[in-house]
N, C-alpha and C. Protein backbone atom coordinates (compact mmCIF):
# COMPACT_ATOMS: atom_id res chain seq x y z
N MET A 1 17.92 17.04 18.47
CA MET A 1 16.76 16.45 17.34
C MET A 1 16.76 16.42 15.92
N LEU A 2 17.54 18.04 15.43
CA LEU A 2 17.91 17.93 14.60
C LEU A 2 18.79 16.91 13.50
N GLY A 3 19.76 16.15 14.18
CA GLY A 3 20.50 15.83 13.49
C GLY A 3 19.59 13.97 13.78
N ARG A 4 18.93 13.58 14.31
CA ARG A 4 17.67 12.55 14.45
C ARG A 4 17.27 12.52 13.25
N LEU A 5 16.75 13.87 12.79
CA LEU A 5 16.14 14.23 12.00
C LEU A 5 16.54 14.10 10.77
N VAL A 6 17.71 14.33 10.47
CA VAL A 6 18.57 14.57 9.43
C VAL A 6 19.12 12.90 8.81
N LEU A 7 19.57 11.89 10.26
CA LEU A 7 19.39 10.84 10.14
C LEU A 7 18.64 9.88 9.40
N ILE A 8 17.54 10.19 9.92
CA ILE A 8 15.88 9.68 8.79
C ILE A 8 16.15 9.65 7.85
N LEU A 9 16.30 11.15 6.76
CA LEU A 9 16.09 11.44 5.94
C LEU A 9 17.55 10.70 5.00
N LEU A 10 18.36 10.13 5.73
CA LEU A 10 19.29 10.15 4.90
C LEU A 10 19.47 8.62 4.43
N GLN A 11 18.75 7.84 5.94
CA GLN A 11 17.99 6.23 6.15
C GLN A 11 17.29 6.69 4.88
N ILE A 12 16.04 6.96 4.97
CA ILE A 12 15.19 6.68 4.08
C ILE A 12 15.81 6.77 3.08
N ALA A 13 16.72 7.57 2.16
CA ALA A 13 16.89 7.87 0.48
C ALA A 13 18.25 6.94 0.45
N GLY A 14 19.31 7.02 1.50
CA GLY A 14 19.97 5.42 1.60
C GLY A 14 19.95 3.91 1.28
N GLY A 15 18.71 3.91 2.06
CA GLY A 15 18.27 2.59 1.91
C GLY A 15 17.78 2.60 0.49
N TRP A 16 16.70 3.49 0.11
CA TRP A 16 15.61 3.37 -1.38
C TRP A 16 17.17 2.65 -2.05
N PHE A 17 17.99 3.99 -2.68
CA PHE A 17 18.93 3.75 -3.30
C PHE A 17 19.92 3.02 -3.31
N ALA A 18 20.09 2.38 -2.46
CA ALA A 18 21.47 1.16 -1.95
C ALA A 18 20.58 0.55 -2.32
N SER A 19 19.21 0.04 -1.63
CA SER A 19 18.52 -1.19 -1.29
C SER A 19 18.03 -1.65 -3.24
N GLN A 20 17.78 -0.82 -4.03
CA GLN A 20 17.79 -0.70 -5.50
C GLN A 20 19.27 -1.34 -5.88
N ALA A 21 19.97 -0.70 -5.72
CA ALA A 21 21.33 -1.19 -6.10
C ALA A 21 21.66 -2.47 -6.04
N LEU A 22 21.73 -2.57 -4.55
CA LEU A 22 21.93 -4.58 -3.99
C LEU A 22 21.51 -5.34 -4.59
N ILE A 23 19.99 -5.07 -4.60
CA ILE A 23 19.24 -6.10 -5.22
C ILE A 23 19.52 -6.65 -7.21
N LYS A 24 20.33 -6.04 -7.41
CA LYS A 24 20.23 -5.90 -8.74
C LYS A 24 21.04 -7.33 -9.10
N TYR A 25 22.35 -7.62 -7.61
CA TYR A 25 22.96 -8.81 -7.84
C TYR A 25 22.80 -9.18 -7.58
N ILE A 26 21.68 -9.98 -6.61
CA ILE A 26 21.44 -11.33 -6.14
C ILE A 26 20.24 -12.02 -7.61
N PRO A 27 20.93 -13.16 -7.66
CA PRO A 27 19.64 -13.25 -8.67
C PRO A 27 18.03 -14.18 -8.18
N VAL A 28 17.24 -13.28 -7.70
CA VAL A 28 16.02 -13.96 -6.97
C VAL A 28 14.86 -12.82 -8.14
N SER A 29 13.98 -13.46 -7.50
CA SER A 29 12.67 -13.22 -8.07
C SER A 29 11.56 -13.45 -7.45
N GLY A 30 10.18 -12.96 -7.78
CA GLY A 30 8.77 -12.98 -7.00
C GLY A 30 9.19 -12.28 -5.47
N ASP A 31 8.25 -13.28 -5.14
CA ASP A 31 8.02 -13.23 -3.38
C ASP A 31 9.95 -12.85 -2.50
N LEU A 32 10.73 -14.31 -3.15
CA LEU A 32 11.90 -13.81 -2.28
C LEU A 32 12.81 -12.54 -2.53
N ARG A 33 12.63 -12.03 -4.27
CA ARG A 33 12.95 -10.85 -3.61
C ARG A 33 13.00 -9.74 -2.88
N LEU A 34 11.83 -9.93 -2.91
CA LEU A 34 10.61 -9.02 -1.50
C LEU A 34 11.68 -9.48 0.26
N GLY A 35 11.69 -10.60 -0.08
CA GLY A 35 12.65 -11.66 1.65
C GLY A 35 14.18 -10.80 1.08
N ALA A 36 14.59 -10.62 0.07
CA ALA A 36 16.04 -10.00 -0.22
C ALA A 36 16.11 -8.77 0.06
N LEU A 37 15.19 -7.76 -0.43
CA LEU A 37 14.88 -6.52 0.06
C LEU A 37 15.00 -6.16 1.52
N VAL A 38 14.14 -7.02 1.97
CA VAL A 38 13.59 -6.44 3.41
C VAL A 38 15.35 -6.65 4.54
N ILE A 39 16.27 -8.26 3.76
CA ILE A 39 17.35 -8.10 4.27
C ILE A 39 18.19 -7.45 4.09
N ILE A 40 18.23 -6.27 2.93
CA ILE A 40 19.54 -5.23 2.56
C ILE A 40 18.59 -4.11 2.88
N ALA A 41 17.81 -3.50 2.72
CA ALA A 41 17.19 -2.52 3.73
C ALA A 41 17.33 -2.30 4.88
N ALA A 42 17.44 -3.65 5.55
CA ALA A 42 17.51 -3.32 7.25
C ALA A 42 18.86 -3.38 7.23
N ILE A 43 19.33 -3.98 6.75
CA ILE A 43 21.57 -3.67 7.00
C ILE A 43 22.04 -2.69 6.49
N VAL A 44 21.26 -2.27 5.04
CA VAL A 44 21.40 -0.39 5.07
C VAL A 44 21.08 0.65 5.46
N VAL A 45 20.02 0.36 6.39
CA VAL A 45 19.93 1.37 7.12
C VAL A 45 20.72 1.40 8.36
N TRP A 46 20.84 -0.15 9.06
CA TRP A 46 21.19 -0.13 10.27
C TRP A 46 23.18 0.42 9.98
N LEU A 47 23.44 0.57 8.75
CA LEU A 47 24.67 1.04 8.60
C LEU A 47 25.04 2.41 8.12
N ILE A 48 24.12 2.87 7.89
CA ILE A 48 24.14 4.10 7.77
C ILE A 48 23.93 4.84 9.51
N GLY A 49 22.95 4.25 10.01
CA GLY A 49 22.84 4.47 11.41
C GLY A 49 24.29 4.76 12.35
N ILE A 50 25.48 3.70 11.35
CA ILE A 50 26.37 3.44 12.26
C ILE A 50 27.68 4.52 12.33
N ILE A 51 26.87 5.06 10.61
CA ILE A 51 28.19 5.88 10.17
C ILE A 51 27.51 7.04 10.85
N GLY A 52 26.40 7.92 10.47
CA GLY A 52 25.68 8.50 11.01
C GLY A 52 26.14 8.84 12.93
N ALA A 53 25.97 8.25 13.84
CA ALA A 53 26.43 8.54 14.66
C ALA A 53 27.94 8.64 14.57
N GLU A 54 28.65 8.37 14.28
CA GLU A 54 29.92 8.71 14.03
C GLU A 54 29.95 10.81 13.14
N VAL A 55 29.37 11.26 12.79
CA VAL A 55 29.42 12.25 11.93
C VAL A 55 28.22 13.31 12.83
N LEU A 56 27.00 12.60 13.30
CA LEU A 56 25.96 13.42 13.22
C LEU A 56 26.48 13.89 14.99
N LYS A 57 26.00 15.15 15.14
CA LYS A 57 25.49 15.32 16.48
C LYS A 57 24.36 14.67 17.56
N ASP A 58 24.36 14.44 18.90
CA ASP A 58 23.07 13.64 19.42
C ASP A 58 22.29 12.80 18.80
N VAL A 59 23.24 11.46 17.79
CA VAL A 59 22.86 10.93 17.30
C VAL A 59 23.76 9.18 17.81
N GLY A 60 23.12 8.62 18.78
CA GLY A 60 23.88 7.48 19.85
C GLY A 60 23.80 6.46 18.78
N ARG A 61 25.17 5.19 19.03
CA ARG A 61 25.37 4.54 17.68
C ARG A 61 24.67 3.24 18.83
N PRO A 62 24.53 2.74 17.06
CA PRO A 62 22.80 1.47 17.01
C PRO A 62 23.56 0.33 17.94
N SER A 63 22.86 -0.62 18.23
CA SER A 63 23.01 -1.51 18.95
C SER A 63 22.99 -3.04 17.69
N GLY A 64 23.95 -4.33 18.10
CA GLY A 64 23.36 -5.71 17.51
C GLY A 64 21.15 -5.92 16.68
N THR A 65 21.12 -5.60 18.44
CA THR A 65 19.41 -5.46 18.88
C THR A 65 19.12 -4.62 18.18
N THR A 66 19.97 -3.24 17.59
CA THR A 66 18.61 -2.25 16.97
C THR A 66 18.70 -3.13 15.73
N LEU A 67 19.78 -3.61 14.75
CA LEU A 67 19.66 -4.33 13.16
C LEU A 67 19.24 -5.50 13.95
N ALA A 68 18.58 -6.64 14.59
CA ALA A 68 17.55 -7.04 14.85
C ALA A 68 16.24 -6.67 14.48
N THR A 69 16.06 -5.34 15.62
CA THR A 69 14.58 -5.18 15.19
C THR A 69 14.03 -4.24 14.02
N ALA A 70 14.78 -3.70 13.23
CA ALA A 70 14.99 -3.19 11.56
C ALA A 70 14.81 -4.40 11.38
N LEU A 71 15.73 -5.55 11.24
CA LEU A 71 14.87 -6.26 10.14
C LEU A 71 13.43 -7.28 10.46
N VAL A 72 13.05 -7.50 12.21
CA VAL A 72 11.66 -7.19 11.87
C VAL A 72 10.40 -6.84 11.65
N VAL A 73 11.27 -5.32 12.09
CA VAL A 73 9.96 -4.80 11.42
C VAL A 73 9.86 -4.71 10.14
N ALA A 74 10.93 -4.24 9.14
CA ALA A 74 10.78 -4.23 8.06
C ALA A 74 10.43 -5.32 6.92
N ALA A 75 10.22 -6.39 8.26
CA ALA A 75 9.78 -8.07 7.04
C ALA A 75 8.50 -8.27 7.78
N LEU A 76 7.82 -7.39 9.06
CA LEU A 76 6.44 -7.04 9.42
C LEU A 76 5.82 -5.77 7.87
N ALA A 77 6.26 -4.84 7.81
CA ALA A 77 6.19 -4.27 6.93
C ALA A 77 5.45 -4.72 5.57
N ALA A 78 6.92 -5.10 4.88
CA ALA A 78 6.68 -6.13 3.67
C ALA A 78 5.54 -6.80 3.38
N ALA A 79 5.23 -7.74 4.70
CA ALA A 79 4.03 -8.62 5.27
C ALA A 79 2.96 -7.93 4.38
N LEU A 80 2.69 -6.82 4.67
CA LEU A 80 1.32 -6.22 4.39
C LEU A 80 1.17 -6.49 2.64
N LYS A 81 2.12 -7.13 2.03
CA LYS A 81 1.77 -6.93 0.59
C LYS A 81 0.43 -8.11 0.26
N PHE A 82 1.45 -8.92 1.54
CA PHE A 82 -0.08 -10.37 1.30
C PHE A 82 -1.71 -10.29 2.19
N VAL A 83 -1.77 -8.90 2.70
CA VAL A 83 -3.33 -9.30 3.60
C VAL A 83 -3.81 -8.55 2.34
N PRO A 84 -4.93 -9.27 2.20
CA PRO A 84 -5.93 -9.72 1.02
C PRO A 84 -6.69 -8.16 1.40
N GLY A 85 -6.91 -7.10 0.67
CA GLY A 85 -7.79 -6.39 0.05
C GLY A 85 -6.87 -4.62 0.85
N LEU A 86 -5.67 -4.89 0.91
CA LEU A 86 -5.44 -3.76 1.30
C LEU A 86 -4.30 -3.29 0.08
N LYS A 87 -5.65 -2.34 -0.54
CA LYS A 87 -4.58 -1.39 -1.39
C LYS A 87 -3.09 -0.52 -0.93
N ILE A 88 -1.93 -0.20 -1.42
CA ILE A 88 -0.61 0.36 -1.50
C ILE A 88 -0.44 1.51 -2.16
N PRO A 89 -0.43 2.40 -1.84
CA PRO A 89 -0.92 3.92 -3.08
C PRO A 89 1.02 4.38 -3.28
N PHE A 90 2.07 3.19 -3.24
CA PHE A 90 3.32 3.27 -3.33
C PHE A 90 3.52 1.98 -3.54
N ALA A 91 5.07 2.05 -4.44
CA ALA A 91 5.80 0.81 -4.98
C ALA A 91 5.98 -0.44 -3.89
N ILE A 92 6.15 -0.97 -3.95
CA ILE A 92 6.31 -2.57 -2.92
C ILE A 92 7.27 -2.48 -2.22
N ASP A 93 8.48 -2.31 -3.32
CA ASP A 93 9.43 -2.44 -2.78
C ASP A 93 10.19 -0.93 -1.69
N TRP A 94 9.42 0.10 -1.27
CA TRP A 94 9.25 1.01 -0.19
C TRP A 94 9.06 0.55 1.20
N LEU A 95 8.18 -1.12 0.78
CA LEU A 95 7.46 -1.33 2.62
C LEU A 95 8.80 -1.89 3.08
N PRO A 96 9.91 -2.72 2.80
CA PRO A 96 10.88 -2.82 3.62
C PRO A 96 11.68 -1.42 4.10
N VAL A 97 12.26 -0.65 3.39
CA VAL A 97 12.59 0.77 3.36
C VAL A 97 12.30 1.00 4.86
N ILE A 98 10.97 1.37 4.33
CA ILE A 98 10.23 2.28 5.55
C ILE A 98 10.24 1.36 6.88
N GLY A 99 9.71 0.00 7.09
CA GLY A 99 9.87 -0.96 7.81
C GLY A 99 11.43 -0.55 8.71
N ALA A 100 12.51 -0.38 7.93
CA ALA A 100 13.64 -1.20 8.18
C ALA A 100 13.93 0.54 9.08
N VAL A 101 13.58 1.53 8.80
CA VAL A 101 13.77 2.99 8.97
C VAL A 101 12.32 3.02 10.15
N ILE A 102 11.57 2.61 10.68
CA ILE A 102 10.56 2.52 11.57
C ILE A 102 11.40 2.01 13.01
N GLY A 103 11.52 0.25 12.35
CA GLY A 103 12.61 -0.22 13.08
C GLY A 103 13.65 0.28 13.92
N TYR A 104 14.29 1.09 13.06
CA TYR A 104 15.56 1.21 13.93
C TYR A 104 15.58 2.57 15.04
N GLN A 105 14.10 2.77 14.44
CA GLN A 105 13.88 4.34 15.48
C GLN A 105 13.22 4.12 16.73
N LEU A 106 12.89 2.84 16.42
CA LEU A 106 11.52 2.00 18.01
C LEU A 106 12.93 1.74 19.07
N ARG A 107 13.69 1.23 18.32
CA ARG A 107 15.35 0.68 19.16
C ARG A 107 15.66 1.78 19.59
N ARG A 108 16.10 2.51 18.81
CA ARG A 108 16.92 3.91 19.28
C ARG A 108 16.60 4.24 20.59
């Protein structure tokens, strides 16, 4: 249980910092930037899960379907930006990262 909690915290922190660092190298803006951020966040969260499975105890190795689930849930979370009247109390860039972590944990 502790290994899983550590993995979640690593995925949130690593997903945020790595996605912000990697998005600088992709020349897109606007809504396409959010789409690129969805893909980057899902892949980074999945890769952290692979590394975490090797290092942490009681953490299973993720599969390809885990990556697909993380990608879909990250896209759904990012789509919350387009819901009219919905106020998001934090930066929009957090939505794909949080969605990817939730998607990863749903599949595990």
